[in-house]
Amino acid sequence: MTLIKIKRCTECDGTYPNVKFGVRKASPDGLNARCKSCINAMHLARSTRPEVQAAKRRYFRLHRARPCYSTPAAIEARRDYHRGWKRRRATRPAREATNSKAVSV
């Protein structure tokens, strides 16, 4: 018989089974003090604040100008580079096999 342990949420004062709480290794019982529903509500409330939305817009405005590496032109440029690398490598003289662990006496 399995015993279901219950815990009280510090945010909503509800009593729930342990599966309703996230993992937190730093706490004595290994679980968050707030239930998953309260944590989700807290994150939703924060992400809908105007200053947080403005910060997200600023971030994406600054970082979207980075080159996209999955465009057809970028993919073809990478292919050309690797083809050239293979050609250059094929024309190089072969190195002698050496054992780096061997010690000359």
N, C-alpha and C. Protein backbone atom coordinates (compact mmCIF):
# COMPACT_ATOMS: atom_id res chain seq x y z
N MET A 1 0.84 -1.17 0.00
CA MET A 1 0.00 0.00 0.00
C MET A 1 0.89 1.24 0.00
N THR A 2 0.60 2.16 -0.91
CA THR A 2 1.38 3.38 -1.03
C THR A 2 0.71 4.50 -0.26
N LEU A 3 1.48 5.20 0.52
CA LEU A 3 0.95 6.31 1.29
C LEU A 3 1.14 7.59 0.49
N ILE A 4 0.08 8.35 0.29
CA ILE A 4 0.18 9.61 -0.44
C ILE A 4 0.44 10.71 0.58
N LYS A 5 1.56 11.38 0.43
CA LYS A 5 1.90 12.47 1.34
C LYS A 5 1.26 13.75 0.82
N ILE A 6 0.82 14.58 1.73
CA ILE A 6 0.20 15.84 1.35
C ILE A 6 1.01 16.99 1.95
N LYS A 7 0.83 18.14 1.32
CA LYS A 7 1.58 19.33 1.74
C LYS A 7 0.70 20.55 1.54
N ARG A 8 0.93 21.58 2.35
CA ARG A 8 0.16 22.82 2.25
C ARG A 8 0.94 23.85 1.43
N CYS A 9 0.24 24.48 0.50
CA CYS A 9 0.83 25.54 -0.33
C CYS A 9 0.87 26.83 0.49
N THR A 10 2.00 27.51 0.48
CA THR A 10 2.14 28.74 1.25
C THR A 10 1.46 29.92 0.57
N GLU A 11 1.15 29.80 -0.71
CA GLU A 11 0.52 30.89 -1.45
C GLU A 11 -1.00 30.87 -1.31
N CYS A 12 -1.60 29.74 -1.64
CA CYS A 12 -3.08 29.65 -1.65
C CYS A 12 -3.64 28.92 -0.43
N ASP A 13 -2.79 28.41 0.44
CA ASP A 13 -3.17 27.66 1.64
C ASP A 13 -3.97 26.39 1.33
N GLY A 14 -3.84 25.89 0.11
CA GLY A 14 -4.51 24.64 -0.24
C GLY A 14 -3.65 23.46 0.18
N THR A 15 -4.28 22.34 0.44
CA THR A 15 -3.58 21.12 0.80
C THR A 15 -3.67 20.16 -0.38
N TYR A 16 -2.49 19.76 -0.91
CA TYR A 16 -2.42 18.94 -2.12
C TYR A 16 -1.45 17.79 -1.92
N PRO A 17 -1.57 16.75 -2.76
CA PRO A 17 -0.56 15.69 -2.72
C PRO A 17 0.79 16.22 -3.24
N ASN A 18 1.84 15.53 -2.89
CA ASN A 18 3.19 15.99 -3.25
C ASN A 18 3.41 16.14 -4.75
N VAL A 19 2.67 15.41 -5.56
CA VAL A 19 2.87 15.51 -7.01
C VAL A 19 2.45 16.88 -7.56
N LYS A 20 1.69 17.65 -6.79
CA LYS A 20 1.27 18.99 -7.21
C LYS A 20 2.33 20.06 -6.93
N PHE A 21 3.48 19.65 -6.36
CA PHE A 21 4.56 20.58 -6.03
C PHE A 21 5.78 20.23 -6.87
N GLY A 22 6.49 21.26 -7.31
CA GLY A 22 7.71 21.05 -8.08
C GLY A 22 8.87 20.67 -7.19
N VAL A 23 9.93 20.18 -7.81
CA VAL A 23 11.12 19.74 -7.08
C VAL A 23 12.00 20.95 -6.74
N ARG A 24 12.49 20.98 -5.52
CA ARG A 24 13.45 22.00 -5.07
C ARG A 24 14.39 21.33 -4.08
N LYS A 25 15.59 21.03 -4.54
CA LYS A 25 16.52 20.25 -3.73
C LYS A 25 16.98 20.98 -2.48
N ALA A 26 16.91 22.32 -2.48
CA ALA A 26 17.40 23.08 -1.33
C ALA A 26 16.45 23.04 -0.14
N SER A 27 15.19 22.70 -0.35
CA SER A 27 14.25 22.68 0.77
C SER A 27 14.37 21.35 1.52
N PRO A 28 13.98 21.35 2.79
CA PRO A 28 14.13 20.14 3.60
C PRO A 28 13.38 18.92 3.06
N ASP A 29 12.18 19.15 2.51
CA ASP A 29 11.44 18.00 1.99
C ASP A 29 11.67 17.77 0.50
N GLY A 30 12.46 18.62 -0.14
CA GLY A 30 12.79 18.45 -1.55
C GLY A 30 11.73 18.98 -2.51
N LEU A 31 10.77 19.75 -1.98
CA LEU A 31 9.69 20.27 -2.82
C LEU A 31 9.57 21.78 -2.66
N ASN A 32 8.98 22.43 -3.68
CA ASN A 32 8.72 23.87 -3.60
C ASN A 32 7.71 24.16 -2.50
N ALA A 33 7.71 25.38 -2.00
CA ALA A 33 6.75 25.77 -0.97
C ALA A 33 5.40 26.08 -1.59
N ARG A 34 5.38 26.48 -2.88
CA ARG A 34 4.14 26.80 -3.58
C ARG A 34 3.77 25.70 -4.55
N CYS A 35 2.48 25.49 -4.74
CA CYS A 35 2.03 24.45 -5.68
C CYS A 35 2.29 24.91 -7.11
N LYS A 36 2.23 23.97 -8.04
CA LYS A 36 2.50 24.26 -9.44
C LYS A 36 1.51 25.27 -10.01
N SER A 37 0.27 25.21 -9.58
CA SER A 37 -0.75 26.16 -10.07
C SER A 37 -0.40 27.59 -9.65
N CYS A 38 0.03 27.77 -8.43
CA CYS A 38 0.40 29.10 -7.95
C CYS A 38 1.65 29.61 -8.67
N ILE A 39 2.60 28.74 -8.91
CA ILE A 39 3.82 29.13 -9.62
C ILE A 39 3.47 29.56 -11.04
N ASN A 40 2.60 28.79 -11.71
CA ASN A 40 2.19 29.15 -13.07
C ASN A 40 1.47 30.49 -13.08
N ALA A 41 0.60 30.73 -12.12
CA ALA A 41 -0.11 32.00 -12.03
C ALA A 41 0.86 33.16 -11.80
N MET A 42 1.88 32.94 -10.98
CA MET A 42 2.88 33.97 -10.71
C MET A 42 3.66 34.31 -11.98
N HIS A 43 4.06 33.29 -12.74
CA HIS A 43 4.80 33.53 -13.98
C HIS A 43 3.93 34.24 -15.02
N LEU A 44 2.66 33.86 -15.09
CA LEU A 44 1.75 34.50 -16.03
C LEU A 44 1.54 35.96 -15.66
N ALA A 45 1.37 36.25 -14.37
CA ALA A 45 1.19 37.63 -13.93
C ALA A 45 2.43 38.47 -14.23
N ARG A 46 3.61 37.89 -14.08
CA ARG A 46 4.83 38.64 -14.35
C ARG A 46 5.00 38.89 -15.83
N SER A 47 4.73 37.88 -16.65
CA SER A 47 4.98 38.03 -18.09
C SER A 47 4.00 38.97 -18.77
N THR A 48 2.87 39.26 -18.15
CA THR A 48 1.91 40.18 -18.75
C THR A 48 2.08 41.62 -18.26
N ARG A 49 3.05 41.87 -17.38
CA ARG A 49 3.30 43.24 -16.94
C ARG A 49 3.88 44.05 -18.09
N PRO A 50 3.47 45.31 -18.25
CA PRO A 50 3.93 46.12 -19.39
C PRO A 50 5.45 46.28 -19.46
N GLU A 51 6.11 46.44 -18.30
CA GLU A 51 7.56 46.64 -18.34
C GLU A 51 8.30 45.38 -18.78
N VAL A 52 7.76 44.22 -18.45
CA VAL A 52 8.37 42.95 -18.88
C VAL A 52 8.16 42.77 -20.37
N GLN A 53 6.97 43.08 -20.86
CA GLN A 53 6.71 42.98 -22.29
C GLN A 53 7.58 43.94 -23.08
N ALA A 54 7.79 45.16 -22.55
CA ALA A 54 8.66 46.14 -23.22
C ALA A 54 10.10 45.63 -23.26
N ALA A 55 10.56 45.01 -22.19
CA ALA A 55 11.92 44.47 -22.16
C ALA A 55 12.07 43.35 -23.18
N LYS A 56 11.04 42.50 -23.32
CA LYS A 56 11.09 41.42 -24.32
C LYS A 56 11.15 42.00 -25.72
N ARG A 57 10.33 43.04 -25.98
CA ARG A 57 10.34 43.66 -27.31
C ARG A 57 11.70 44.26 -27.62
N ARG A 58 12.32 44.94 -26.63
CA ARG A 58 13.65 45.51 -26.83
C ARG A 58 14.66 44.42 -27.16
N TYR A 59 14.61 43.33 -26.41
CA TYR A 59 15.56 42.24 -26.62
C TYR A 59 15.43 41.67 -28.04
N PHE A 60 14.21 41.37 -28.45
CA PHE A 60 14.02 40.75 -29.75
C PHE A 60 14.32 41.74 -30.88
N ARG A 61 14.08 43.02 -30.65
CA ARG A 61 14.42 44.02 -31.66
C ARG A 61 15.93 44.07 -31.86
N LEU A 62 16.69 43.98 -30.79
CA LEU A 62 18.15 44.01 -30.88
C LEU A 62 18.75 42.74 -31.45
N HIS A 63 18.15 41.60 -31.15
CA HIS A 63 18.77 40.33 -31.51
C HIS A 63 18.22 39.69 -32.77
N ARG A 64 17.18 40.24 -33.36
CA ARG A 64 16.67 39.59 -34.57
C ARG A 64 17.50 39.94 -35.79
N ALA A 65 18.36 40.94 -35.70
CA ALA A 65 19.20 41.32 -36.83
C ALA A 65 20.35 40.36 -37.06
N ARG A 66 20.50 39.38 -36.19
CA ARG A 66 21.57 38.40 -36.36
C ARG A 66 21.31 37.56 -37.60
N PRO A 67 22.35 37.12 -38.28
CA PRO A 67 22.14 36.34 -39.50
C PRO A 67 21.47 35.01 -39.19
N CYS A 68 20.60 34.62 -40.06
CA CYS A 68 19.90 33.35 -39.89
C CYS A 68 20.71 32.28 -40.62
N TYR A 69 21.10 31.24 -39.92
CA TYR A 69 21.96 30.23 -40.49
C TYR A 69 21.18 29.12 -41.20
N SER A 70 19.86 29.24 -41.25
CA SER A 70 19.10 28.20 -41.90
C SER A 70 18.49 28.68 -43.22
N THR A 71 18.90 29.87 -43.69
CA THR A 71 18.41 30.33 -44.99
C THR A 71 19.10 29.54 -46.09
N PRO A 72 18.48 29.41 -47.26
CA PRO A 72 19.12 28.66 -48.35
C PRO A 72 20.50 29.19 -48.73
N ALA A 73 20.68 30.51 -48.70
CA ALA A 73 21.99 31.08 -49.04
C ALA A 73 23.05 30.67 -48.01
N ALA A 74 22.69 30.69 -46.74
CA ALA A 74 23.64 30.32 -45.70
C ALA A 74 23.97 28.84 -45.77
N ILE A 75 22.99 28.02 -46.05
CA ILE A 75 23.22 26.58 -46.16
C ILE A 75 24.16 26.30 -47.33
N GLU A 76 23.93 26.96 -48.45
CA GLU A 76 24.79 26.76 -49.63
C GLU A 76 26.21 27.26 -49.36
N ALA A 77 26.35 28.38 -48.66
CA ALA A 77 27.68 28.90 -48.32
C ALA A 77 28.43 27.91 -47.44
N ARG A 78 27.73 27.29 -46.48
CA ARG A 78 28.37 26.29 -45.63
C ARG A 78 28.79 25.08 -46.44
N ARG A 79 27.94 24.64 -47.36
CA ARG A 79 28.28 23.50 -48.21
C ARG A 79 29.53 23.79 -49.05
N ASP A 80 29.58 25.01 -49.63
CA ASP A 80 30.75 25.39 -50.42
C ASP A 80 32.01 25.38 -49.58
N TYR A 81 31.92 25.91 -48.38
CA TYR A 81 33.08 25.93 -47.50
C TYR A 81 33.57 24.52 -47.22
N HIS A 82 32.65 23.61 -46.89
CA HIS A 82 33.05 22.24 -46.56
C HIS A 82 33.58 21.49 -47.78
N ARG A 83 33.00 21.75 -48.95
CA ARG A 83 33.53 21.12 -50.17
C ARG A 83 34.96 21.58 -50.40
N GLY A 84 35.21 22.88 -50.24
CA GLY A 84 36.57 23.40 -50.41
C GLY A 84 37.52 22.82 -49.39
N TRP A 85 37.06 22.67 -48.15
CA TRP A 85 37.89 22.10 -47.10
C TRP A 85 38.27 20.67 -47.45
N LYS A 86 37.31 19.91 -47.96
CA LYS A 86 37.60 18.52 -48.34
C LYS A 86 38.60 18.46 -49.48
N ARG A 87 38.46 19.39 -50.45
CA ARG A 87 39.42 19.41 -51.57
C ARG A 87 40.81 19.77 -51.06
N ARG A 88 40.90 20.78 -50.21
CA ARG A 88 42.22 21.18 -49.68
C ARG A 88 42.83 20.05 -48.87
N ARG A 89 42.03 19.36 -48.11
CA ARG A 89 42.54 18.27 -47.28
C ARG A 89 42.99 17.09 -48.14
N ALA A 90 42.29 16.83 -49.24
CA ALA A 90 42.64 15.71 -50.11
C ALA A 90 43.97 15.95 -50.81
N THR A 91 44.32 17.20 -51.08
CA THR A 91 45.56 17.49 -51.79
C THR A 91 46.76 17.62 -50.87
N ARG A 92 46.55 17.61 -49.57
CA ARG A 92 47.66 17.70 -48.62
C ARG A 92 48.42 16.39 -48.58
N PRO A 93 49.73 16.46 -48.38
CA PRO A 93 50.47 15.20 -48.22
C PRO A 93 50.08 14.51 -46.92
N ALA A 94 50.04 13.22 -46.94
CA ALA A 94 49.64 12.45 -45.76
C ALA A 94 50.70 12.56 -44.69
N ARG A 95 50.28 12.63 -43.46
CA ARG A 95 51.22 12.67 -42.34
C ARG A 95 51.64 11.26 -42.00
N GLU A 96 52.80 11.17 -41.40
CA GLU A 96 53.24 9.86 -40.94
C GLU A 96 52.49 9.51 -39.67
N ALA A 97 52.18 8.24 -39.53
CA ALA A 97 51.47 7.81 -38.34
C ALA A 97 52.42 7.88 -37.15
N THR A 98 51.98 8.54 -36.11
CA THR A 98 52.81 8.64 -34.91
C THR A 98 51.97 8.21 -33.71
N ASN A 99 52.64 7.66 -32.76
CA ASN A 99 51.98 7.29 -31.52
C ASN A 99 52.41 8.31 -30.48
N SER A 100 51.47 9.13 -30.04
CA SER A 100 51.82 10.19 -29.10
C SER A 100 52.23 9.67 -27.74
N LYS A 101 51.86 8.43 -27.42
CA LYS A 101 52.21 7.86 -26.13
C LYS A 101 53.58 7.20 -26.15
N ALA A 102 54.11 6.98 -27.34
CA ALA A 102 55.41 6.30 -27.44
C ALA A 102 56.52 7.25 -26.96
N VAL A 103 57.48 6.70 -26.26
CA VAL A 103 58.58 7.49 -25.74
C VAL A 103 59.85 7.03 -26.43
N SER A 104 60.58 7.98 -27.03
CA SER A 104 61.84 7.60 -27.68
C SER A 104 62.92 7.47 -26.65
N VAL A 105 63.72 6.43 -26.80
CA VAL A 105 64.77 6.17 -25.82
C VAL A 105 66.13 6.33 -26.47
